[in-house]
PDB file of N, CA and C in Angstrom:
ATOM      1  N   UNK A   1      -5.351 -27.243   0.525  1.00  0.00           N
ATOM      2  CA  UNK A   1      -4.533 -26.044   0.586  1.00  0.00           C
ATOM      3  C   UNK A   1      -5.246 -24.908  -0.147  1.00  0.00           C
ATOM      4  N   UNK A   2      -5.196 -23.712   0.425  1.00  0.00           N
ATOM      5  CA  UNK A   2      -5.839 -22.548  -0.160  1.00  0.00           C
ATOM      6  C   UNK A   2      -4.961 -21.970  -1.261  1.00  0.00           C
ATOM      7  N   UNK A   3      -5.572 -21.693  -2.379  1.00  0.00           N
ATOM      8  CA  UNK A   3      -4.844 -21.076  -3.493  1.00  0.00           C
ATOM      9  C   UNK A   3      -4.560 -19.611  -3.171  1.00  0.00           C
ATOM     10  N   UNK A   4      -3.378 -19.157  -3.480  1.00  0.00           N
ATOM     11  CA  UNK A   4      -3.033 -17.746  -3.322  1.00  0.00           C
ATOM     12  C   UNK A   4      -3.548 -16.981  -4.526  1.00  0.00           C
ATOM     13  N   UNK A   5      -3.946 -15.735  -4.303  1.00  0.00           N
ATOM     14  CA  UNK A   5      -4.472 -14.926  -5.403  1.00  0.00           C
ATOM     15  C   UNK A   5      -3.418 -13.924  -5.855  1.00  0.00           C
ATOM     16  N   UNK A   6      -3.344 -13.691  -7.164  1.00  0.00           N
ATOM     17  CA  UNK A   6      -2.387 -12.708  -7.681  1.00  0.00           C
ATOM     18  C   UNK A   6      -2.917 -11.291  -7.454  1.00  0.00           C
ATOM     19  N   UNK A   7      -2.040 -10.438  -6.984  1.00  0.00           N
ATOM     20  CA  UNK A   7      -2.354  -9.024  -6.760  1.00  0.00           C
ATOM     21  C   UNK A   7      -1.162  -8.230  -7.265  1.00  0.00           C
ATOM     22  N   UNK A   8      -1.417  -7.155  -7.963  1.00  0.00           N
ATOM     23  CA  UNK A   8      -0.355  -6.307  -8.484  1.00  0.00           C
ATOM     24  C   UNK A   8      -0.308  -5.026  -7.668  1.00  0.00           C
ATOM     25  N   UNK A   9       0.873  -4.696  -7.163  1.00  0.00           N
ATOM     26  CA  UNK A   9       1.042  -3.432  -6.452  1.00  0.00           C
ATOM     27  C   UNK A   9       2.327  -2.787  -6.972  1.00  0.00           C
ATOM     28  N   UNK A  10       2.166  -1.567  -7.466  1.00  0.00           N
ATOM     29  CA  UNK A  10       3.226  -0.875  -8.194  1.00  0.00           C
ATOM     30  C   UNK A  10       3.732  -1.793  -9.303  1.00  0.00           C
ATOM     31  N   UNK A  11       4.974  -2.149  -9.320  1.00  0.00           N
ATOM     32  CA  UNK A  11       5.492  -2.976 -10.417  1.00  0.00           C
ATOM     33  C   UNK A  11       5.693  -4.431 -10.015  1.00  0.00           C
ATOM     34  N   UNK A  12       5.064  -4.841  -8.920  1.00  0.00           N
ATOM     35  CA  UNK A  12       5.311  -6.191  -8.424  1.00  0.00           C
ATOM     36  C   UNK A  12       4.053  -7.054  -8.413  1.00  0.00           C
ATOM     37  N   UNK A  13       4.242  -8.295  -8.752  1.00  0.00           N
ATOM     38  CA  UNK A  13       3.188  -9.296  -8.629  1.00  0.00           C
ATOM     39  C   UNK A  13       3.359  -9.971  -7.281  1.00  0.00           C
ATOM     40  N   UNK A  14       2.305  -9.949  -6.486  1.00  0.00           N
ATOM     41  CA  UNK A  14       2.309 -10.611  -5.185  1.00  0.00           C
ATOM     42  C   UNK A  14       1.286 -11.726  -5.216  1.00  0.00           C
ATOM     43  N   UNK A  15       1.490 -12.722  -4.414  1.00  0.00           N
ATOM     44  CA  UNK A  15       0.506 -13.794  -4.256  1.00  0.00           C
ATOM     45  C   UNK A  15       0.102 -13.800  -2.793  1.00  0.00           C
ATOM     46  N   UNK A  16      -1.165 -13.479  -2.551  1.00  0.00           N
ATOM     47  CA  UNK A  16      -1.685 -13.327  -1.198  1.00  0.00           C
ATOM     48  C   UNK A  16      -2.852 -14.275  -0.966  1.00  0.00           C
ATOM     49  N   UNK A  17      -3.122 -14.588   0.292  1.00  0.00           N
ATOM     50  CA  UNK A  17      -4.247 -15.468   0.587  1.00  0.00           C
ATOM     51  C   UNK A  17      -5.576 -14.742   0.383  1.00  0.00           C
ATOM     52  N   UNK A  18      -6.623 -15.464   0.037  1.00  0.00           N
ATOM     53  CA  UNK A  18      -7.950 -14.844  -0.073  1.00  0.00           C
ATOM     54  C   UNK A  18      -8.300 -14.148   1.243  1.00  0.00           C
ATOM     55  N   UNK A  19      -8.960 -13.014   1.143  1.00  0.00           N
ATOM     56  CA  UNK A  19      -9.332 -12.246   2.333  1.00  0.00           C
ATOM     57  C   UNK A  19      -8.286 -11.252   2.765  1.00  0.00           C
ATOM     58  N   UNK A  20      -7.171 -11.163   2.018  1.00  0.00           N
ATOM     59  CA  UNK A  20      -6.116 -10.216   2.364  1.00  0.00           C
ATOM     60  C   UNK A  20      -6.622  -8.785   2.208  1.00  0.00           C
ATOM     61  N   UNK A  21      -6.032  -7.889   2.975  1.00  0.00           N
ATOM     62  CA  UNK A  21      -6.411  -6.477   2.932  1.00  0.00           C
ATOM     63  C   UNK A  21      -5.359  -5.669   2.177  1.00  0.00           C
ATOM     64  N   UNK A  22      -5.681  -4.410   1.956  1.00  0.00           N
ATOM     65  CA  UNK A  22      -4.733  -3.486   1.337  1.00  0.00           C
ATOM     66  C   UNK A  22      -3.448  -3.439   2.170  1.00  0.00           C
ATOM     67  N   UNK A  23      -3.588  -3.351   3.494  1.00  0.00           N
ATOM     68  CA  UNK A  23      -2.418  -3.305   4.375  1.00  0.00           C
ATOM     69  C   UNK A  23      -1.581  -4.580   4.258  1.00  0.00           C
ATOM     70  N   UNK A  24      -2.246  -5.722   4.086  1.00  0.00           N
ATOM     71  CA  UNK A  24      -1.511  -6.982   3.903  1.00  0.00           C
ATOM     72  C   UNK A  24      -0.660  -6.926   2.635  1.00  0.00           C
ATOM     73  N   UNK A  25      -1.229  -6.367   1.572  1.00  0.00           N
ATOM     74  CA  UNK A  25      -0.490  -6.261   0.311  1.00  0.00           C
ATOM     75  C   UNK A  25       0.716  -5.348   0.471  1.00  0.00           C
ATOM     76  N   UNK A  26       0.527  -4.220   1.142  1.00  0.00           N
ATOM     77  CA  UNK A  26       1.636  -3.285   1.355  1.00  0.00           C
ATOM     78  C   UNK A  26       2.697  -3.927   2.235  1.00  0.00           C
ATOM     79  N   UNK A  27       2.280  -4.651   3.254  1.00  0.00           N
ATOM     80  CA  UNK A  27       3.236  -5.339   4.134  1.00  0.00           C
ATOM     81  C   UNK A  27       4.072  -6.344   3.358  1.00  0.00           C
ATOM     82  N   UNK A  28       3.473  -6.956   2.352  1.00  0.00           N
ATOM     83  CA  UNK A  28       4.210  -7.927   1.529  1.00  0.00           C
ATOM     84  C   UNK A  28       5.315  -7.248   0.722  1.00  0.00           C
ATOM     85  N   UNK A  29       5.184  -5.941   0.500  1.00  0.00           N
ATOM     86  CA  UNK A  29       6.245  -5.196  -0.193  1.00  0.00           C
ATOM     87  C   UNK A  29       7.463  -5.007   0.700  1.00  0.00           C
ATOM     88  N   UNK A  30       7.242  -4.911   2.004  1.00  0.00           N
ATOM     89  CA  UNK A  30       8.349  -4.726   2.935  1.00  0.00           C
ATOM     90  C   UNK A  30       7.967  -3.825   4.087  1.00  0.00           C
ATOM     91  N   UNK A  31       8.818  -3.804   5.092  1.00  0.00           N
ATOM     92  CA  UNK A  31       8.507  -3.041   6.301  1.00  0.00           C
ATOM     93  C   UNK A  31       8.518  -1.529   6.068  1.00  0.00           C
ATOM     94  N   UNK A  32       9.373  -1.044   5.194  1.00  0.00           N
ATOM     95  CA  UNK A  32       9.396   0.404   4.939  1.00  0.00           C
ATOM     96  C   UNK A  32       8.061   0.864   4.359  1.00  0.00           C
ATOM     97  N   UNK A  33       7.545   0.137   3.391  1.00  0.00           N
ATOM     98  CA  UNK A  33       6.252   0.483   2.795  1.00  0.00           C
ATOM     99  C   UNK A  33       5.134   0.388   3.827  1.00  0.00           C
ATOM    100  N   UNK A  34       5.154  -0.659   4.641  1.00  0.00           N
ATOM    101  CA  UNK A  34       4.136  -0.832   5.675  1.00  0.00           C
ATOM    102  C   UNK A  34       4.188   0.307   6.684  1.00  0.00           C
ATOM    103  N   UNK A  35       5.388   0.714   7.070  1.00  0.00           N
ATOM    104  CA  UNK A  35       5.548   1.819   8.016  1.00  0.00           C
ATOM    105  C   UNK A  35       5.029   3.126   7.426  1.00  0.00           C
ATOM    106  N   UNK A  36       5.317   3.367   6.142  1.00  0.00           N
ATOM    107  CA  UNK A  36       4.841   4.589   5.493  1.00  0.00           C
ATOM    108  C   UNK A  36       3.320   4.632   5.466  1.00  0.00           C
ATOM    109  N   UNK A  37       2.690   3.509   5.185  1.00  0.00           N
ATOM    110  CA  UNK A  37       1.233   3.450   5.182  1.00  0.00           C
ATOM    111  C   UNK A  37       0.695   3.680   6.588  1.00  0.00           C
ATOM    112  N   UNK A  38       1.322   3.075   7.582  1.00  0.00           N
ATOM    113  CA  UNK A  38       0.855   3.182   8.968  1.00  0.00           C
ATOM    114  C   UNK A  38       0.918   4.608   9.501  1.00  0.00           C
ATOM    115  N   UNK A  39       1.956   5.351   9.140  1.00  0.00           N
ATOM    116  CA  UNK A  39       2.098   6.716   9.667  1.00  0.00           C
ATOM    117  C   UNK A  39       1.426   7.766   8.778  1.00  0.00           C
ATOM    118  N   UNK A  40       0.899   7.346   7.650  1.00  0.00           N
ATOM    119  CA  UNK A  40       0.174   8.272   6.791  1.00  0.00           C
ATOM    120  C   UNK A  40       1.018   8.998   5.762  1.00  0.00           C
ATOM    121  N   UNK A  41       2.277   8.617   5.606  1.00  0.00           N
ATOM    122  CA  UNK A  41       3.101   9.267   4.580  1.00  0.00           C
ATOM    123  C   UNK A  41       2.932   8.585   3.227  1.00  0.00           C
ATOM    124  N   UNK A  42       2.068   7.578   3.184  1.00  0.00           N
ATOM    125  CA  UNK A  42       1.739   6.898   1.929  1.00  0.00           C
ATOM    126  C   UNK A  42       0.281   6.461   1.989  1.00  0.00           C
ATOM    127  N   UNK A  43      -0.305   6.293   0.823  1.00  0.00           N
ATOM    128  CA  UNK A  43      -1.650   5.742   0.731  1.00  0.00           C
ATOM    129  C   UNK A  43      -1.719   4.847  -0.497  1.00  0.00           C
ATOM    130  N   UNK A  44      -2.796   4.105  -0.618  1.00  0.00           N
ATOM    131  CA  UNK A  44      -2.945   3.156  -1.719  1.00  0.00           C
ATOM    132  C   UNK A  44      -4.170   3.533  -2.533  1.00  0.00           C
ATOM    133  N   UNK A  45      -4.023   3.459  -3.850  1.00  0.00           N
ATOM    134  CA  UNK A  45      -5.159   3.671  -4.750  1.00  0.00           C
ATOM    135  C   UNK A  45      -5.383   2.406  -5.566  1.00  0.00           C
ATOM    136  N   UNK A  46      -6.601   2.313  -6.098  1.00  0.00           N
ATOM    137  CA  UNK A  46      -6.889   1.183  -6.986  1.00  0.00           C
ATOM    138  C   UNK A  46      -6.499   1.565  -8.406  1.00  0.00           C
ATOM    139  N   UNK A  47      -6.801   0.711  -9.345  1.00  0.00           N
ATOM    140  CA  UNK A  47      -6.435   0.942 -10.741  1.00  0.00           C
ATOM    141  C   UNK A  47      -7.067   2.179 -11.349  1.00  0.00           C
ATOM    142  N   UNK A  48      -8.123   2.692 -10.710  1.00  0.00           N
ATOM    143  CA  UNK A  48      -8.790   3.904 -11.207  1.00  0.00           C
ATOM    144  C   UNK A  48      -8.294   5.161 -10.524  1.00  0.00           C
ATOM    145  N   UNK A  49      -7.387   4.996  -9.540  1.00  0.00           N
ATOM    146  CA  UNK A  49      -6.870   6.150  -8.808  1.00  0.00           C
ATOM    147  C   UNK A  49      -7.686   6.506  -7.586  1.00  0.00           C
ATOM    148  N   UNK A  50      -8.611   5.653  -7.186  1.00  0.00           N
ATOM    149  CA  UNK A  50      -9.442   5.908  -6.015  1.00  0.00           C
ATOM    150  C   UNK A  50      -8.718   5.404  -4.778  1.00  0.00           C
ATOM    151  N   UNK A  51      -8.622   6.262  -3.768  1.00  0.00           N
ATOM    152  CA  UNK A  51      -7.923   5.912  -2.540  1.00  0.00           C
ATOM    153  C   UNK A  51      -8.678   4.808  -1.802  1.00  0.00           C
ATOM    154  N   UNK A  52      -7.922   3.843  -1.291  1.00  0.00           N
ATOM    155  CA  UNK A  52      -8.489   2.706  -0.574  1.00  0.00           C
ATOM    156  C   UNK A  52      -8.094   2.757   0.898  1.00  0.00           C
ATOM    157  N   UNK A  53      -8.996   2.322   1.755  1.00  0.00           N
ATOM    158  CA  UNK A  53      -8.691   2.203   3.181  1.00  0.00           C
ATOM    159  C   UNK A  53      -7.725   1.038   3.375  1.00  0.00           C
ATOM    160  N   UNK A  54      -6.871   1.142   4.378  1.00  0.00           N
ATOM    161  CA  UNK A  54      -5.885   0.096   4.637  1.00  0.00           C
ATOM    162  C   UNK A  54      -6.540  -1.235   4.967  1.00  0.00           C
ATOM    163  N   UNK A  55      -7.732  -1.197   5.550  1.00  0.00           N
ATOM    164  CA  UNK A  55      -8.398  -2.443   5.935  1.00  0.00           C
ATOM    165  C   UNK A  55      -9.354  -2.976   4.864  1.00  0.00           C
ATOM    166  N   UNK A  56      -9.379  -2.319   3.710  1.00  0.00           N
ATOM    167  CA  UNK A  56     -10.261  -2.768   2.625  1.00  0.00           C
ATOM    168  C   UNK A  56      -9.780  -4.116   2.079  1.00  0.00           C
ATOM    169  N   UNK A  57     -10.707  -5.036   1.852  1.00  0.00           N
ATOM    170  CA  UNK A  57     -10.306  -6.325   1.278  1.00  0.00           C
ATOM    171  C   UNK A  57      -9.937  -6.154  -0.194  1.00  0.00           C
ATOM    172  N   UNK A  58      -9.050  -6.994  -0.669  1.00  0.00           N
ATOM    173  CA  UNK A  58      -8.676  -6.958  -2.082  1.00  0.00           C
ATOM    174  C   UNK A  58      -9.073  -8.273  -2.737  1.00  0.00           C
ATOM    175  N   UNK A  59      -9.169  -8.253  -4.036  1.00  0.00           N
ATOM    176  CA  UNK A  59      -9.602  -9.429  -4.786  1.00  0.00           C
ATOM    177  C   UNK A  59      -8.488  -9.888  -5.719  1.00  0.00           C
ATOM    178  N   UNK A  60      -8.630 -11.093  -6.210  1.00  0.00           N
ATOM    179  CA  UNK A  60      -7.647 -11.637  -7.148  1.00  0.00           C
ATOM    180  C   UNK A  60      -7.564 -10.735  -8.372  1.00  0.00           C
ATOM    181  N   UNK A  61      -6.359 -10.413  -8.782  1.00  0.00           N
ATOM    182  CA  UNK A  61      -6.143  -9.585  -9.948  1.00  0.00           C
ATOM    183  C   UNK A  61      -6.199  -8.094  -9.669  1.00  0.00           C
ATOM    184  N   UNK A  62      -6.339  -7.710  -8.404  1.00  0.00           N
ATOM    185  CA  UNK A  62      -6.397  -6.285  -8.055  1.00  0.00           C
ATOM    186  C   UNK A  62      -5.119  -5.587  -8.506  1.00  0.00           C
ATOM    187  N   UNK A  63      -5.286  -4.366  -8.968  1.00  0.00           N
ATOM    188  CA  UNK A  63      -4.152  -3.532  -9.365  1.00  0.00           C
ATOM    189  C   UNK A  63      -4.120  -2.355  -8.402  1.00  0.00           C
ATOM    190  N   UNK A  64      -3.066  -2.279  -7.615  1.00  0.00           N
ATOM    191  CA  UNK A  64      -2.936  -1.252  -6.584  1.00  0.00           C
ATOM    192  C   UNK A  64      -1.695  -0.410  -6.837  1.00  0.00           C
ATOM    193  N   UNK A  65      -1.743   0.806  -6.344  1.00  0.00           N
ATOM    194  CA  UNK A  65      -0.585   1.698  -6.449  1.00  0.00           C
ATOM    195  C   UNK A  65      -0.314   2.278  -5.068  1.00  0.00           C
ATOM    196  N   UNK A  66       0.900   2.092  -4.570  1.00  0.00           N
ATOM    197  CA  UNK A  66       1.327   2.717  -3.324  1.00  0.00           C
ATOM    198  C   UNK A  66       1.866   4.094  -3.677  1.00  0.00           C
ATOM    199  N   UNK A  67       1.252   5.119  -3.127  1.00  0.00           N
ATOM    200  CA  UNK A  67       1.630   6.504  -3.414  1.00  0.00           C
ATOM    201  C   UNK A  67       2.284   7.076  -2.162  1.00  0.00           C
ATOM    202  N   UNK A  68       3.552   7.436  -2.276  1.00  0.00           N
ATOM    203  CA  UNK A  68       4.294   7.993  -1.156  1.00  0.00           C
ATOM    204  C   UNK A  68       4.332   9.498  -1.316  1.00  0.00           C
ATOM    205  N   UNK A  69       3.958  10.212  -0.258  1.00  0.00           N
ATOM    206  CA  UNK A  69       3.924  11.670  -0.296  1.00  0.00           C
ATOM    207  C   UNK A  69       5.328  12.238  -0.147  1.00  0.00           C
ATOM    208  N   UNK A  70       5.613  13.265  -0.912  1.00  0.00           N
ATOM    209  CA  UNK A  70       6.900  13.952  -0.800  1.00  0.00           C
ATOM    210  C   UNK A  70       6.853  15.013   0.293  1.00  0.00           C
ATOM    211  N   UNK A  71       5.666  15.273   0.808  1.00  0.00           N
ATOM    212  CA  UNK A  71       5.528  16.280   1.860  1.00  0.00           C
ATOM    213  C   UNK A  71       6.074  15.742   3.165  1.00  0.00           C
ATOM    214  N   UNK A  72       6.734  16.611   3.875  1.00  0.00           N
ATOM    215  CA  UNK A  72       7.218  16.217   5.196  1.00  0.00           C
ATOM    216  C   UNK A  72       6.179  16.611   6.233  1.00  0.00           C
ATOM    217  N   UNK A  73       6.310  16.042   7.418  1.00  0.00           N
ATOM    218  CA  UNK A  73       5.392  16.373   8.495  1.00  0.00           C
ATOM    219  C   UNK A  73       5.617  17.807   8.925  1.00  0.00           C
ATOM    220  N   UNK A  74       4.586  18.456   9.442  1.00  0.00           N
ATOM    221  CA  UNK A  74       4.655  19.880   9.773  1.00  0.00           C
ATOM    222  C   UNK A  74       5.660  20.203  10.857  1.00  0.00           C
ATOM    223  N   UNK A  75       5.948  19.284  11.762  1.00  0.00           N
ATOM    224  CA  UNK A  75       6.854  19.603  12.857  1.00  0.00           C
ATOM    225  C   UNK A  75       8.325  19.456  12.475  1.00  0.00           C
ATOM    226  N   UNK A  76       8.625  19.051  11.255  1.00  0.00           N
ATOM    227  CA  UNK A  76      10.022  18.959  10.833  1.00  0.00           C
ATOM    228  C   UNK A  76      10.558  20.341  10.495  1.00  0.00           C
ATOM    229  N   UNK A  77      11.728  20.650  10.987  1.00  0.00           N
ATOM    230  CA  UNK A  77      12.332  21.947  10.728  1.00  0.00           C
ATOM    231  C   UNK A  77      12.883  21.997   9.311  1.00  0.00           C
ATOM    232  N   UNK A  78      12.849  23.165   8.715  1.00  0.00           N
ATOM    233  CA  UNK A  78      13.432  23.373   7.406  1.00  0.00           C
ATOM    234  C   UNK A  78      14.950  23.422   7.558  1.00  0.00           C
ATOM    235  N   UNK A  79      15.665  22.696   6.771  1.00  0.00           N
ATOM    236  CA  UNK A  79      17.128  22.627   6.882  1.00  0.00           C
ATOM    237  C   UNK A  79      17.790  23.955   6.563  1.00  0.00           C
ATOM    238  N   UNK A  80      17.085  24.835   5.874  1.00  0.00           N
ATOM    239  CA  UNK A  80      17.672  26.111   5.448  1.00  0.00           C
ATOM    240  C   UNK A  80      17.235  27.280   6.322  1.00  0.00           C
ATOM    241  N   UNK A  81      16.499  27.027   7.375  1.00  0.00           N
ATOM    242  CA  UNK A  81      16.038  28.168   8.189  1.00  0.00           C
ATOM    243  C   UNK A  81      16.975  28.481   9.318  1.00  0.00           C
TER     244      UNK A  81
END
């Protein structure tokens, strides 16, 4: 049996299989987080604040941060206009 590796994302400890990607880690948080990453309203940084590609492999003990943008998409109408 393959040992799962510990990965930290935001305030959660996840256990993922070796070879998992950044997107796999975000998907383990839930579908809302995965959807935000997929549409570009969120991105992931490493422990140093460097943005990571969704397909980048992660290693045991990785510290990741899911950053959700407060900006709305340009085609959304302003509620006050």
